[in-house]
Amino acid sequence: MGTVVGLDVRDPQLPAVSARAAVAAAVAWLHRVDERYSPYRADSLVSRIAAGTLAVEDTDDEAREVFAAAAAWVQRSEGTFTLYPAGGLDPSGYVKGWAVERASDILAAAGSRAHLVNGGGDIQTVGHSGDGTPWRLGVADPHHRGSLLAVVEGFGIAIATSGTTERGLHLVDPRTGEPATALASVTVTGAHLAEVDAAATAAFVHGDAARRWLATQPGLEALVVTRSGARWTSADFPFARTASLPEPG
């Protein structure tokens, strides 16, 4: 997935030995995902499908479900989400959020009711932050590197950002073949990171139409920053009660 994944288990009721075992299982899962779905590994399912030596229908149930879910986002996004960024098969736009959410599920299945899994800034939380309080998560300011644009909070919240902060203009509009340039960042929150991460990518590529499209996506809230520095949010974006959106500039 080309990023670092962090796991933060804060459940005081979960024995340390159980927590360590759960983290080990989640890490093993993430390595397995990389082995199967990385477009940079010649022996992965993705590379073999791209090379024509393996058909999607000849893979296992999990892989078929992943490709079907990713393909469904092409229609749901009105064509701004693609399985073929830069012309090559790469389902990472869906797989990353899905994999991190599943890692969180592994921790939950082991009994954790208070944890966070962070995949390169795209985060799935479960329950509270360890002391009964909501998780508080920072949103990077795309125009001021190292600064926070906002802080969100919630219980069991997922958050993902697509933008130019780390990788510049790297998202291409599959409808035109050109980089998406209208926005600087799109942060989406919801309950499930697989959905939230894909939606952030799709909305970013929508550009000026992101506001209209996001309004059609139930259960998702967004904070958007344009290339010019203008900002807007959906009505119920979960800002922390003690934090607010700073003025541009």
Protein backbone atom coordinates (compact mmCIF):
# COMPACT_ATOMS: atom_id res chain seq x y z
CA MET A 1 0.00 0.00 0.00
CA GLY A 2 3.06 2.24 0.00
CA THR A 3 2.49 3.59 3.50
CA VAL A 4 3.00 2.94 7.21
CA VAL A 5 0.21 1.42 9.31
CA GLY A 6 -0.01 2.07 13.05
CA LEU A 7 -2.16 0.18 15.58
CA ASP A 8 -3.09 1.77 18.91
CA VAL A 9 -4.95 -0.49 21.34
CA ARG A 10 -6.18 1.36 24.43
CA ASP A 11 -8.73 -1.05 25.85
CA PRO A 12 -8.07 -1.29 29.62
CA GLN A 13 -10.23 -4.42 29.81
CA LEU A 14 -8.17 -6.36 27.25
CA PRO A 15 -5.31 -8.37 28.81
CA ALA A 16 -1.88 -7.40 27.48
CA VAL A 17 -1.21 -10.88 26.15
CA SER A 18 -4.49 -10.80 24.21
CA ALA A 19 -3.72 -7.34 22.86
CA ARG A 20 -0.28 -8.44 21.64
CA ALA A 21 -1.72 -11.50 19.94
CA ALA A 22 -4.45 -9.43 18.28
CA VAL A 23 -1.94 -6.86 17.01
CA ALA A 24 0.23 -9.66 15.62
CA ALA A 25 -2.77 -11.12 13.80
CA ALA A 26 -3.70 -7.72 12.38
CA VAL A 27 -0.13 -7.10 11.19
CA ALA A 28 -0.04 -10.54 9.56
CA TRP A 29 -3.30 -9.67 7.80
CA LEU A 30 -1.86 -6.43 6.43
CA HIS A 31 1.20 -8.24 5.09
CA ARG A 32 -1.08 -10.78 3.44
CA VAL A 33 -3.04 -7.97 1.77
CA ASP A 34 0.20 -6.50 0.44
CA GLU A 35 1.25 -9.88 -0.94
CA ARG A 36 -2.08 -10.38 -2.72
CA TYR A 37 -3.08 -6.93 -3.92
CA SER A 38 0.10 -4.87 -4.39
CA PRO A 39 0.60 -3.74 -8.01
CA TYR A 40 4.34 -3.51 -7.26
CA ARG A 41 4.81 -7.23 -6.59
CA ALA A 42 5.18 -9.38 -9.68
CA ASP A 43 3.65 -12.40 -7.93
CA SER A 44 0.56 -10.64 -6.50
CA LEU A 45 -2.95 -11.39 -7.71
CA VAL A 46 -3.19 -7.87 -9.09
CA SER A 47 0.00 -8.17 -11.13
CA ARG A 48 -0.98 -11.58 -12.46
CA ILE A 49 -4.42 -10.32 -13.48
CA ALA A 50 -2.85 -7.26 -15.11
CA ALA A 51 -0.44 -9.53 -17.02
CA GLY A 52 -3.29 -11.73 -18.25
CA THR A 53 -2.03 -14.88 -16.51
CA LEU A 54 -4.92 -14.96 -14.05
CA ALA A 55 -8.59 -14.05 -14.44
CA VAL A 56 -10.58 -12.42 -11.64
CA GLU A 57 -13.18 -15.19 -11.88
CA ASP A 58 -10.44 -17.75 -11.18
CA THR A 59 -9.42 -16.16 -7.88
CA ASP A 60 -10.96 -16.95 -4.48
CA ASP A 61 -14.11 -15.54 -2.92
CA GLU A 62 -12.28 -12.78 -1.05
CA ALA A 63 -10.52 -11.43 -4.14
CA ARG A 64 -13.69 -11.57 -6.24
CA GLU A 65 -15.55 -9.64 -3.53
CA VAL A 66 -12.77 -7.04 -3.36
CA PHE A 67 -12.74 -6.47 -7.12
CA ALA A 68 -16.54 -6.36 -7.24
CA ALA A 69 -16.66 -3.80 -4.41
CA ALA A 70 -13.99 -1.66 -6.06
CA ALA A 71 -15.73 -1.87 -9.44
CA ALA A 72 -19.02 -0.80 -7.82
CA TRP A 73 -17.33 2.46 -6.86
CA VAL A 74 -16.83 3.32 -10.53
CA GLN A 75 -20.60 3.60 -10.94
CA ARG A 76 -21.26 5.04 -7.48
CA SER A 77 -18.67 7.78 -8.06
CA GLU A 78 -20.10 8.70 -11.47
CA GLY A 79 -16.82 7.70 -13.05
CA THR A 80 -14.36 9.59 -10.85
CA PHE A 81 -13.14 6.40 -9.15
CA THR A 82 -11.18 3.89 -11.21
CA LEU A 83 -9.44 0.54 -10.96
CA TYR A 84 -6.98 1.71 -13.61
CA PRO A 85 -5.17 4.84 -12.40
CA ALA A 86 -2.38 5.78 -14.82
CA GLY A 87 -3.68 3.07 -17.15
CA GLY A 88 -2.64 0.05 -15.08
CA LEU A 89 -4.71 -2.18 -12.82
CA ASP A 90 -4.42 -0.88 -9.27
CA PRO A 91 -7.29 -1.39 -6.79
CA SER A 92 -5.40 0.37 -3.97
CA GLY A 93 -7.96 3.20 -3.88
CA TYR A 94 -10.37 0.68 -2.37
CA VAL A 95 -8.04 -1.95 -0.92
CA LYS A 96 -6.21 0.38 1.46
CA GLY A 97 -9.30 1.46 3.39
CA TRP A 98 -10.77 -2.04 3.26
CA ALA A 99 -7.58 -3.61 4.59
CA VAL A 100 -7.23 -1.14 7.47
CA GLU A 101 -10.90 -1.58 8.40
CA ARG A 102 -10.45 -5.35 8.39
CA ALA A 103 -7.36 -5.03 10.61
CA SER A 104 -9.58 -3.12 13.04
CA ASP A 105 -12.14 -5.94 12.81
CA ILE A 106 -9.42 -8.42 13.82
CA LEU A 107 -8.67 -6.39 16.95
CA ALA A 108 -12.40 -6.15 17.73
CA ALA A 109 -12.85 -9.90 17.29
CA ALA A 110 -10.10 -10.43 19.88
CA GLY A 111 -12.13 -8.39 22.37
CA SER A 112 -10.83 -4.85 21.92
CA ARG A 113 -13.45 -2.17 22.38
CA ALA A 114 -11.08 0.80 22.25
CA HIS A 115 -8.52 0.97 19.45
CA LEU A 116 -7.38 2.82 16.36
CA VAL A 117 -5.75 1.64 13.13
CA ASN A 118 -4.02 4.34 11.08
CA GLY A 119 -3.04 3.60 7.49
CA GLY A 120 -1.05 6.61 6.32
CA GLY A 121 -3.48 9.06 7.89
CA ASP A 122 -6.64 7.17 6.94
CA ILE A 123 -8.03 5.95 10.23
CA GLN A 124 -10.56 3.46 11.57
CA THR A 125 -11.44 3.75 15.25
CA VAL A 126 -13.52 1.52 17.49
CA GLY A 127 -15.22 2.67 20.66
CA HIS A 128 -13.53 5.33 22.78
CA SER A 129 -9.94 6.48 23.20
CA GLY A 130 -9.31 4.37 26.28
CA ASP A 131 -10.74 6.53 29.04
CA GLY A 132 -14.32 6.79 27.84
CA THR A 133 -13.77 9.99 25.85
CA PRO A 134 -14.19 10.24 22.07
CA TRP A 135 -11.27 9.91 19.71
CA ARG A 136 -9.81 13.25 18.61
CA LEU A 137 -8.20 13.19 15.16
CA GLY A 138 -6.33 15.98 13.41
CA VAL A 139 -6.87 16.99 9.80
CA ALA A 140 -3.76 18.28 8.02
CA ASP A 141 -3.89 21.72 6.40
CA PRO A 142 -2.99 21.23 2.71
CA HIS A 143 -1.82 24.83 2.36
CA HIS A 144 0.30 25.00 5.53
CA ARG A 145 2.48 21.92 5.88
CA GLY A 146 2.79 20.75 9.47
CA SER A 147 -0.34 22.62 10.60
CA LEU A 148 -3.78 21.29 11.44
CA LEU A 149 -6.80 22.45 9.54
CA ALA A 150 -9.27 21.04 12.07
CA VAL A 151 -9.81 18.44 14.78
CA VAL A 152 -12.65 15.95 14.60
CA GLU A 153 -13.97 13.73 17.35
CA GLY A 154 -16.22 10.75 17.64
CA PHE A 155 -16.77 7.22 18.89
CA GLY A 156 -16.15 4.48 16.33
CA ILE A 157 -15.40 7.03 13.63
CA ALA A 158 -13.53 6.50 10.34
CA ILE A 159 -11.73 9.34 8.57
CA ALA A 160 -9.81 9.60 5.29
CA THR A 161 -8.23 12.47 3.38
CA SER A 162 -7.34 12.66 -0.29
CA GLY A 163 -5.26 15.60 -1.40
CA THR A 164 -2.00 17.16 -2.41
CA THR A 165 -0.28 17.51 0.98
CA GLU A 166 2.01 14.49 0.73
CA ARG A 167 2.14 13.54 -2.97
CA GLY A 168 1.20 16.66 -4.92
CA LEU A 169 -1.13 16.37 -7.92
CA HIS A 170 -1.21 12.58 -8.09
CA LEU A 171 -4.92 11.84 -8.65
CA VAL A 172 -5.98 11.62 -12.29
CA ASP A 173 -9.54 12.12 -13.50
CA PRO A 174 -10.26 8.90 -15.44
CA ARG A 175 -12.86 10.75 -17.50
CA THR A 176 -10.25 13.11 -18.97
CA GLY A 177 -6.89 11.49 -18.31
CA GLU A 178 -5.71 14.73 -16.69
CA PRO A 179 -4.74 15.43 -13.06
CA ALA A 180 -7.56 16.64 -10.80
CA THR A 181 -6.55 20.19 -9.89
CA ALA A 182 -9.61 22.02 -8.50
CA LEU A 183 -9.21 20.91 -4.87
CA ALA A 184 -6.37 20.78 -2.35
CA SER A 185 -7.92 18.22 0.01
CA VAL A 186 -11.10 16.32 0.78
CA THR A 187 -11.60 14.80 4.23
CA VAL A 188 -14.52 12.40 4.63
CA THR A 189 -15.84 10.86 7.85
CA GLY A 190 -18.24 8.00 8.42
CA ALA A 191 -18.46 4.62 10.10
CA HIS A 192 -16.48 2.41 7.71
CA LEU A 193 -13.06 3.23 6.32
CA ALA A 194 -13.47 1.17 3.14
CA GLU A 195 -16.35 3.47 2.16
CA VAL A 196 -14.86 6.67 3.56
CA ASP A 197 -11.49 6.23 1.82
CA ALA A 198 -13.00 5.50 -1.59
CA ALA A 199 -15.42 8.42 -1.20
CA ALA A 200 -12.59 10.85 -0.40
CA THR A 201 -10.77 9.84 -3.59
CA ALA A 202 -13.91 10.07 -5.70
CA ALA A 203 -14.88 13.45 -4.26
CA PHE A 204 -11.41 14.89 -4.81
CA VAL A 205 -11.53 13.95 -8.50
CA HIS A 206 -15.03 15.45 -8.77
CA GLY A 207 -13.47 18.85 -8.08
CA ASP A 208 -16.05 21.62 -8.16
CA ALA A 209 -18.82 19.01 -8.34
CA ALA A 210 -17.70 17.36 -5.08
CA ARG A 211 -20.25 19.22 -2.98
CA ARG A 212 -23.16 18.05 -5.12
CA TRP A 213 -21.90 14.46 -5.24
CA LEU A 214 -21.14 14.20 -1.52
CA ALA A 215 -24.66 15.40 -0.73
CA THR A 216 -25.94 12.21 -2.40
CA GLN A 217 -23.85 9.93 -0.15
CA PRO A 218 -25.76 9.03 3.03
CA GLY A 219 -23.84 8.70 6.28
CA LEU A 220 -20.80 10.62 5.05
CA GLU A 221 -19.63 14.07 6.13
CA ALA A 222 -16.90 16.14 4.47
CA LEU A 223 -14.48 19.01 4.86
CA VAL A 224 -13.17 20.33 1.54
CA VAL A 225 -10.38 22.80 0.76
CA THR A 226 -10.01 24.21 -2.75
CA ARG A 227 -6.77 25.04 -4.51
CA SER A 228 -7.46 28.73 -3.87
CA GLY A 229 -7.86 28.12 -0.12
CA ALA A 230 -11.64 28.36 0.13
CA ARG A 231 -13.24 25.87 2.54
CA TRP A 232 -16.61 24.31 3.04
CA THR A 233 -18.07 21.53 5.18
CA SER A 234 -21.20 19.43 5.24
CA ALA A 235 -23.75 20.31 7.90
CA ASP A 236 -22.85 17.56 10.39
CA PHE A 237 -19.08 17.33 9.98
CA PRO A 238 -17.90 16.12 13.42
CA PHE A 239 -15.69 18.98 14.57
CA ALA A 240 -14.32 18.56 18.09
CA ARG A 241 -16.44 20.58 20.51
CA THR A 242 -13.42 22.60 21.62
CA ALA A 243 -12.04 23.11 18.11
CA SER A 244 -13.36 24.96 15.11
CA LEU A 245 -12.41 25.59 11.51
CA PRO A 246 -9.73 28.33 11.40
CA GLU A 247 -10.09 31.21 9.02
CA PRO A 248 -8.26 30.86 5.68
CA GLY A 249 -4.93 32.64 5.37
